[in-house]
Amino acid sequence: MNTSWQDSKAVSSMLDDWETWAVVGLSGNPDRTAYRIAELLQRRGKRIVPIHPDAPTVLGEQGYATLADVPFTIDVVDVFRKSEAAGEFADQAVEVGAKGVWFQLGVIDEAAFQRTTATGVAMVMDTCPAIEWGARDSG
């Protein structure tokens, strides 16, 4: 594992300071990991924004088909997609002015990481907010 993908400053900024999280791949299926993590984000005081081609309302929040459709500022783009499909969402996050990109556990795209961080946008890969909060809460 490349620990620069999980820079503690980037993780802390996203978890502690940034409020609006666009969750790419979030649908209304409570059996999906994205749904459970979106619930956790809400419990931790974050505003979630579902990003899904069907644009469903999930957990009481209006969904949008794309990041570009969101009419307000996004702080973090949390990506629940396979590694080979995730990079385009990092690029879109930069385009819409997000402060950070979070690729979930098992999602790794080194080229996207280089492109994103080169623009000054923070990025975390191959971990999960639940894991990071869990480590802090038990520590």
N, C-alpha and C. Protein backbone atom coordinates (compact mmCIF):
# COMPACT_ATOMS: atom_id res chain seq x y z
N MET A 1 0.84 -1.20 0.00
CA MET A 1 0.00 0.00 0.00
C MET A 1 0.87 1.25 0.00
N ASN A 2 0.47 2.20 -0.78
CA ASN A 2 1.15 3.49 -0.84
C ASN A 2 0.51 4.40 0.20
N THR A 3 1.24 4.72 1.26
CA THR A 3 0.63 5.49 2.35
C THR A 3 0.35 6.94 1.96
N SER A 4 0.96 7.45 0.88
CA SER A 4 0.62 8.81 0.45
C SER A 4 -0.83 8.88 -0.01
N TRP A 5 -1.41 7.72 -0.36
CA TRP A 5 -2.83 7.68 -0.74
C TRP A 5 -3.73 7.94 0.45
N GLN A 6 -3.19 7.77 1.65
CA GLN A 6 -3.99 7.94 2.86
C GLN A 6 -3.33 8.96 3.79
N ASP A 7 -2.94 10.07 3.21
CA ASP A 7 -2.31 11.15 3.96
C ASP A 7 -3.21 11.59 5.11
N SER A 8 -2.67 11.58 6.31
CA SER A 8 -3.51 11.86 7.49
C SER A 8 -4.10 13.26 7.46
N LYS A 9 -3.39 14.21 6.89
CA LYS A 9 -3.92 15.58 6.80
C LYS A 9 -5.12 15.63 5.86
N ALA A 10 -5.02 14.94 4.72
CA ALA A 10 -6.14 14.90 3.77
C ALA A 10 -7.34 14.19 4.40
N VAL A 11 -7.10 13.07 5.06
CA VAL A 11 -8.18 12.32 5.71
C VAL A 11 -8.85 13.21 6.76
N SER A 12 -8.06 13.86 7.60
CA SER A 12 -8.62 14.71 8.66
C SER A 12 -9.42 15.88 8.10
N SER A 13 -8.90 16.53 7.06
CA SER A 13 -9.63 17.65 6.46
C SER A 13 -10.99 17.19 5.97
N MET A 14 -11.01 16.06 5.27
CA MET A 14 -12.27 15.58 4.71
C MET A 14 -13.25 15.17 5.80
N LEU A 15 -12.78 14.43 6.79
CA LEU A 15 -13.67 13.94 7.84
C LEU A 15 -14.09 15.03 8.82
N ASP A 16 -13.19 15.95 9.12
CA ASP A 16 -13.45 16.92 10.18
C ASP A 16 -13.99 18.26 9.68
N ASP A 17 -13.52 18.70 8.53
CA ASP A 17 -13.77 20.08 8.13
C ASP A 17 -14.72 20.26 6.95
N TRP A 18 -14.83 19.27 6.09
CA TRP A 18 -15.59 19.45 4.86
C TRP A 18 -16.95 18.78 4.99
N GLU A 19 -17.99 19.53 4.67
CA GLU A 19 -19.35 19.14 5.05
C GLU A 19 -20.16 18.44 3.96
N THR A 20 -19.99 18.83 2.71
CA THR A 20 -20.88 18.34 1.64
C THR A 20 -20.17 17.26 0.84
N TRP A 21 -20.71 16.05 0.92
CA TRP A 21 -20.11 14.88 0.28
C TRP A 21 -21.01 14.38 -0.84
N ALA A 22 -20.54 14.45 -2.07
CA ALA A 22 -21.22 13.82 -3.20
C ALA A 22 -20.81 12.36 -3.20
N VAL A 23 -21.79 11.46 -3.21
CA VAL A 23 -21.51 10.03 -3.14
C VAL A 23 -21.84 9.41 -4.50
N VAL A 24 -20.79 9.15 -5.28
CA VAL A 24 -20.95 8.60 -6.63
C VAL A 24 -21.29 7.12 -6.54
N GLY A 25 -22.42 6.77 -7.16
CA GLY A 25 -22.87 5.38 -7.14
C GLY A 25 -23.90 5.10 -6.06
N LEU A 26 -24.36 6.16 -5.37
CA LEU A 26 -25.33 5.98 -4.29
C LEU A 26 -26.73 5.80 -4.86
N SER A 27 -27.34 4.66 -4.54
CA SER A 27 -28.73 4.39 -4.93
C SER A 27 -29.53 4.18 -3.66
N GLY A 28 -30.80 3.90 -3.82
CA GLY A 28 -31.66 3.69 -2.66
C GLY A 28 -31.63 2.29 -2.09
N ASN A 29 -30.66 1.47 -2.49
CA ASN A 29 -30.58 0.09 -2.03
C ASN A 29 -29.82 0.03 -0.70
N PRO A 30 -30.52 -0.23 0.41
CA PRO A 30 -29.85 -0.23 1.72
C PRO A 30 -28.86 -1.38 1.91
N ASP A 31 -28.86 -2.35 1.00
CA ASP A 31 -27.89 -3.45 1.10
C ASP A 31 -26.54 -3.09 0.51
N ARG A 32 -26.44 -1.96 -0.17
CA ARG A 32 -25.19 -1.56 -0.81
C ARG A 32 -24.30 -0.80 0.18
N THR A 33 -23.01 -0.99 0.03
CA THR A 33 -22.06 -0.30 0.91
C THR A 33 -22.20 1.21 0.81
N ALA A 34 -22.40 1.73 -0.39
CA ALA A 34 -22.53 3.18 -0.56
C ALA A 34 -23.66 3.74 0.31
N TYR A 35 -24.75 3.01 0.39
CA TYR A 35 -25.90 3.45 1.20
C TYR A 35 -25.51 3.50 2.68
N ARG A 36 -24.86 2.44 3.15
CA ARG A 36 -24.47 2.40 4.57
C ARG A 36 -23.47 3.50 4.91
N ILE A 37 -22.54 3.77 4.01
CA ILE A 37 -21.55 4.83 4.27
C ILE A 37 -22.24 6.20 4.22
N ALA A 38 -23.18 6.39 3.30
CA ALA A 38 -23.92 7.65 3.25
C ALA A 38 -24.69 7.87 4.55
N GLU A 39 -25.28 6.80 5.09
CA GLU A 39 -25.95 6.91 6.40
C GLU A 39 -24.97 7.35 7.48
N LEU A 40 -23.78 6.74 7.48
CA LEU A 40 -22.75 7.10 8.46
C LEU A 40 -22.36 8.56 8.30
N LEU A 41 -22.15 9.00 7.07
CA LEU A 41 -21.79 10.40 6.84
C LEU A 41 -22.87 11.33 7.41
N GLN A 42 -24.13 10.99 7.19
CA GLN A 42 -25.21 11.80 7.74
C GLN A 42 -25.18 11.81 9.26
N ARG A 43 -24.98 10.64 9.87
CA ARG A 43 -24.92 10.58 11.34
C ARG A 43 -23.78 11.42 11.88
N ARG A 44 -22.72 11.56 11.08
CA ARG A 44 -21.56 12.36 11.48
C ARG A 44 -21.72 13.84 11.10
N GLY A 45 -22.92 14.21 10.66
CA GLY A 45 -23.21 15.62 10.39
C GLY A 45 -22.92 16.09 8.99
N LYS A 46 -22.62 15.19 8.08
CA LYS A 46 -22.32 15.58 6.70
C LYS A 46 -23.60 15.66 5.89
N ARG A 47 -23.60 16.53 4.89
CA ARG A 47 -24.68 16.56 3.90
C ARG A 47 -24.26 15.64 2.77
N ILE A 48 -25.11 14.70 2.42
CA ILE A 48 -24.79 13.80 1.31
C ILE A 48 -25.55 14.23 0.07
N VAL A 49 -24.92 13.99 -1.09
CA VAL A 49 -25.52 14.30 -2.38
C VAL A 49 -25.40 13.03 -3.23
N PRO A 50 -26.52 12.33 -3.46
CA PRO A 50 -26.45 11.13 -4.29
C PRO A 50 -26.12 11.47 -5.74
N ILE A 51 -25.12 10.78 -6.30
CA ILE A 51 -24.77 10.92 -7.71
C ILE A 51 -24.98 9.56 -8.35
N HIS A 52 -25.98 9.49 -9.22
CA HIS A 52 -26.37 8.21 -9.83
C HIS A 52 -27.10 8.53 -11.13
N PRO A 53 -26.90 7.74 -12.18
CA PRO A 53 -27.57 8.04 -13.46
C PRO A 53 -29.08 8.19 -13.33
N ASP A 54 -29.71 7.46 -12.40
CA ASP A 54 -31.16 7.55 -12.21
C ASP A 54 -31.57 8.73 -11.33
N ALA A 55 -30.59 9.40 -10.70
CA ALA A 55 -30.81 10.57 -9.84
C ALA A 55 -31.90 10.35 -8.79
N PRO A 56 -31.82 9.24 -8.04
CA PRO A 56 -32.86 9.02 -7.02
C PRO A 56 -32.66 9.92 -5.81
N THR A 57 -33.76 10.17 -5.10
CA THR A 57 -33.66 10.79 -3.78
C THR A 57 -33.30 9.66 -2.81
N VAL A 58 -32.22 9.84 -2.07
CA VAL A 58 -31.73 8.81 -1.15
C VAL A 58 -31.50 9.45 0.22
N LEU A 59 -31.98 8.79 1.24
CA LEU A 59 -31.81 9.26 2.62
C LEU A 59 -32.25 10.71 2.77
N GLY A 60 -33.33 11.05 2.03
CA GLY A 60 -33.91 12.38 2.13
C GLY A 60 -33.21 13.46 1.32
N GLU A 61 -32.18 13.09 0.56
CA GLU A 61 -31.43 14.07 -0.23
C GLU A 61 -31.67 13.86 -1.72
N GLN A 62 -31.91 14.96 -2.43
CA GLN A 62 -32.12 14.92 -3.87
C GLN A 62 -30.87 14.41 -4.58
N GLY A 63 -31.07 13.48 -5.49
CA GLY A 63 -29.96 12.96 -6.28
C GLY A 63 -29.77 13.73 -7.57
N TYR A 64 -28.60 13.58 -8.14
CA TYR A 64 -28.25 14.22 -9.42
C TYR A 64 -27.59 13.18 -10.30
N ALA A 65 -27.82 13.29 -11.61
CA ALA A 65 -27.27 12.31 -12.54
C ALA A 65 -25.75 12.43 -12.67
N THR A 66 -25.23 13.64 -12.57
CA THR A 66 -23.78 13.86 -12.69
C THR A 66 -23.33 14.90 -11.67
N LEU A 67 -22.03 14.94 -11.43
CA LEU A 67 -21.48 15.97 -10.53
C LEU A 67 -21.75 17.36 -11.08
N ALA A 68 -21.67 17.51 -12.41
CA ALA A 68 -21.88 18.82 -13.04
C ALA A 68 -23.31 19.33 -12.84
N ASP A 69 -24.26 18.44 -12.55
CA ASP A 69 -25.65 18.84 -12.35
C ASP A 69 -25.91 19.43 -10.97
N VAL A 70 -25.00 19.24 -10.04
CA VAL A 70 -25.21 19.70 -8.66
C VAL A 70 -25.08 21.23 -8.63
N PRO A 71 -26.15 21.94 -8.17
CA PRO A 71 -26.15 23.40 -8.25
C PRO A 71 -25.52 24.12 -7.06
N PHE A 72 -24.75 23.41 -6.26
CA PHE A 72 -24.09 24.03 -5.11
C PHE A 72 -22.70 23.42 -4.96
N THR A 73 -21.92 23.97 -4.05
CA THR A 73 -20.53 23.55 -3.87
C THR A 73 -20.46 22.17 -3.23
N ILE A 74 -19.59 21.34 -3.78
CA ILE A 74 -19.30 20.01 -3.23
C ILE A 74 -17.92 20.08 -2.59
N ASP A 75 -17.81 19.59 -1.36
CA ASP A 75 -16.51 19.56 -0.71
C ASP A 75 -15.73 18.30 -1.07
N VAL A 76 -16.38 17.13 -0.94
CA VAL A 76 -15.72 15.85 -1.17
C VAL A 76 -16.54 15.02 -2.15
N VAL A 77 -15.86 14.39 -3.09
CA VAL A 77 -16.50 13.44 -3.99
C VAL A 77 -16.05 12.05 -3.56
N ASP A 78 -16.98 11.27 -3.04
CA ASP A 78 -16.74 9.93 -2.51
C ASP A 78 -17.16 8.93 -3.59
N VAL A 79 -16.21 8.15 -4.10
CA VAL A 79 -16.45 7.33 -5.30
C VAL A 79 -16.60 5.85 -4.97
N PHE A 80 -17.79 5.33 -5.23
CA PHE A 80 -18.09 3.90 -5.10
C PHE A 80 -18.21 3.33 -6.51
N ARG A 81 -17.11 3.17 -7.18
CA ARG A 81 -17.07 2.58 -8.51
C ARG A 81 -15.82 1.71 -8.58
N LYS A 82 -15.79 0.77 -9.52
CA LYS A 82 -14.59 -0.05 -9.71
C LYS A 82 -13.43 0.85 -10.12
N SER A 83 -12.21 0.40 -9.80
CA SER A 83 -11.01 1.20 -10.07
C SER A 83 -10.96 1.70 -11.51
N GLU A 84 -11.29 0.82 -12.47
CA GLU A 84 -11.16 1.21 -13.87
C GLU A 84 -12.18 2.27 -14.29
N ALA A 85 -13.23 2.48 -13.51
CA ALA A 85 -14.24 3.49 -13.83
C ALA A 85 -14.15 4.72 -12.93
N ALA A 86 -13.29 4.69 -11.94
CA ALA A 86 -13.28 5.74 -10.92
C ALA A 86 -12.57 7.02 -11.36
N GLY A 87 -11.53 6.89 -12.16
CA GLY A 87 -10.70 8.05 -12.52
C GLY A 87 -11.47 9.20 -13.12
N GLU A 88 -12.46 8.89 -13.95
CA GLU A 88 -13.23 9.97 -14.58
C GLU A 88 -13.94 10.81 -13.53
N PHE A 89 -14.32 10.21 -12.41
CA PHE A 89 -15.01 10.97 -11.36
C PHE A 89 -14.03 11.87 -10.60
N ALA A 90 -12.78 11.45 -10.49
CA ALA A 90 -11.76 12.33 -9.92
C ALA A 90 -11.58 13.56 -10.82
N ASP A 91 -11.53 13.32 -12.12
CA ASP A 91 -11.40 14.44 -13.07
C ASP A 91 -12.61 15.38 -12.98
N GLN A 92 -13.80 14.80 -12.89
CA GLN A 92 -15.02 15.62 -12.78
C GLN A 92 -15.03 16.40 -11.47
N ALA A 93 -14.52 15.78 -10.40
CA ALA A 93 -14.45 16.47 -9.11
C ALA A 93 -13.60 17.73 -9.23
N VAL A 94 -12.46 17.60 -9.90
CA VAL A 94 -11.59 18.76 -10.12
C VAL A 94 -12.35 19.82 -10.93
N GLU A 95 -13.04 19.38 -11.98
CA GLU A 95 -13.77 20.31 -12.86
C GLU A 95 -14.85 21.09 -12.11
N VAL A 96 -15.54 20.46 -11.16
CA VAL A 96 -16.62 21.15 -10.45
C VAL A 96 -16.11 21.91 -9.22
N GLY A 97 -14.82 21.85 -8.95
CA GLY A 97 -14.25 22.63 -7.86
C GLY A 97 -14.31 21.99 -6.49
N ALA A 98 -14.43 20.67 -6.44
CA ALA A 98 -14.41 19.98 -5.14
C ALA A 98 -13.04 20.18 -4.47
N LYS A 99 -13.04 20.13 -3.15
CA LYS A 99 -11.79 20.25 -2.40
C LYS A 99 -11.06 18.92 -2.28
N GLY A 100 -11.84 17.81 -2.33
CA GLY A 100 -11.24 16.50 -2.10
C GLY A 100 -11.95 15.40 -2.85
N VAL A 101 -11.21 14.31 -3.06
CA VAL A 101 -11.74 13.11 -3.70
C VAL A 101 -11.40 11.94 -2.79
N TRP A 102 -12.38 11.06 -2.58
CA TRP A 102 -12.18 9.88 -1.74
C TRP A 102 -12.55 8.66 -2.55
N PHE A 103 -11.56 7.78 -2.80
CA PHE A 103 -11.83 6.50 -3.46
C PHE A 103 -11.94 5.45 -2.37
N GLN A 104 -13.02 4.69 -2.40
CA GLN A 104 -13.31 3.73 -1.35
C GLN A 104 -12.33 2.56 -1.32
N LEU A 105 -12.47 1.74 -0.29
CA LEU A 105 -11.62 0.58 -0.07
C LEU A 105 -11.57 -0.28 -1.34
N GLY A 106 -10.36 -0.57 -1.78
CA GLY A 106 -10.16 -1.39 -2.97
C GLY A 106 -10.18 -0.62 -4.28
N VAL A 107 -10.48 0.67 -4.23
CA VAL A 107 -10.51 1.49 -5.44
C VAL A 107 -9.20 2.27 -5.53
N ILE A 108 -8.43 1.93 -6.56
CA ILE A 108 -7.10 2.52 -6.73
C ILE A 108 -6.90 2.88 -8.20
N ASP A 109 -6.50 4.13 -8.44
CA ASP A 109 -6.13 4.59 -9.78
C ASP A 109 -4.99 5.57 -9.59
N GLU A 110 -3.76 5.06 -9.73
CA GLU A 110 -2.59 5.89 -9.47
C GLU A 110 -2.51 7.09 -10.39
N ALA A 111 -2.88 6.93 -11.65
CA ALA A 111 -2.83 8.06 -12.59
C ALA A 111 -3.83 9.14 -12.17
N ALA A 112 -5.02 8.74 -11.75
CA ALA A 112 -6.01 9.72 -11.28
C ALA A 112 -5.51 10.42 -10.03
N PHE A 113 -4.86 9.68 -9.15
CA PHE A 113 -4.29 10.28 -7.93
C PHE A 113 -3.28 11.36 -8.31
N GLN A 114 -2.39 11.04 -9.25
CA GLN A 114 -1.38 12.02 -9.67
C GLN A 114 -2.03 13.24 -10.31
N ARG A 115 -2.99 13.01 -11.20
CA ARG A 115 -3.67 14.14 -11.88
C ARG A 115 -4.39 15.03 -10.87
N THR A 116 -5.09 14.40 -9.94
CA THR A 116 -5.91 15.14 -8.99
C THR A 116 -5.06 15.94 -8.02
N THR A 117 -4.09 15.29 -7.42
CA THR A 117 -3.26 15.99 -6.43
C THR A 117 -2.39 17.06 -7.09
N ALA A 118 -2.04 16.88 -8.37
CA ALA A 118 -1.26 17.89 -9.09
C ALA A 118 -2.04 19.20 -9.24
N THR A 119 -3.37 19.13 -9.19
CA THR A 119 -4.18 20.35 -9.29
C THR A 119 -4.39 21.01 -7.93
N GLY A 120 -3.87 20.38 -6.87
CA GLY A 120 -4.05 20.92 -5.53
C GLY A 120 -5.27 20.38 -4.80
N VAL A 121 -5.97 19.45 -5.43
CA VAL A 121 -7.14 18.83 -4.79
C VAL A 121 -6.65 17.63 -3.98
N ALA A 122 -7.08 17.57 -2.73
CA ALA A 122 -6.69 16.45 -1.87
C ALA A 122 -7.35 15.17 -2.36
N MET A 123 -6.65 14.04 -2.19
CA MET A 123 -7.23 12.77 -2.60
C MET A 123 -6.78 11.67 -1.66
N VAL A 124 -7.73 10.78 -1.36
CA VAL A 124 -7.50 9.62 -0.52
C VAL A 124 -8.00 8.41 -1.31
N MET A 125 -7.24 7.31 -1.27
CA MET A 125 -7.65 6.09 -1.98
C MET A 125 -7.53 4.88 -1.08
N ASP A 126 -8.34 3.87 -1.40
CA ASP A 126 -8.24 2.54 -0.80
C ASP A 126 -8.47 2.54 0.71
N THR A 127 -9.44 3.34 1.15
CA THR A 127 -9.87 3.31 2.54
C THR A 127 -11.31 3.81 2.59
N CYS A 128 -11.88 3.82 3.77
CA CYS A 128 -13.28 4.14 3.93
C CYS A 128 -13.46 5.06 5.14
N PRO A 129 -14.39 6.02 5.07
CA PRO A 129 -14.62 6.86 6.25
C PRO A 129 -14.94 6.04 7.50
N ALA A 130 -15.67 4.94 7.34
CA ALA A 130 -16.00 4.11 8.51
C ALA A 130 -14.73 3.56 9.16
N ILE A 131 -13.78 3.14 8.35
CA ILE A 131 -12.50 2.63 8.87
C ILE A 131 -11.73 3.75 9.57
N GLU A 132 -11.66 4.90 8.90
CA GLU A 132 -10.87 6.01 9.46
C GLU A 132 -11.50 6.53 10.75
N TRP A 133 -12.82 6.70 10.77
CA TRP A 133 -13.48 7.14 12.01
C TRP A 133 -13.36 6.08 13.08
N GLY A 134 -13.48 4.81 12.70
CA GLY A 134 -13.38 3.72 13.66
C GLY A 134 -12.02 3.68 14.34
N ALA A 135 -10.97 3.90 13.55
CA ALA A 135 -9.61 3.91 14.11
C ALA A 135 -9.44 5.05 15.11
N ARG A 136 -10.01 6.20 14.79
CA ARG A 136 -9.91 7.36 15.69
C ARG A 136 -10.72 7.12 16.97
N ASP A 137 -11.96 6.60 16.78
CA ASP A 137 -12.85 6.43 17.94
C ASP A 137 -12.33 5.39 18.92
N SER A 138 -11.58 4.40 18.39
CA SER A 138 -11.04 3.36 19.28
C SER A 138 -9.67 3.73 19.81
N GLY A 139 -9.07 4.76 19.19
CA GLY A 139 -7.71 5.14 19.57
C GLY A 139 -7.72 6.11 20.67
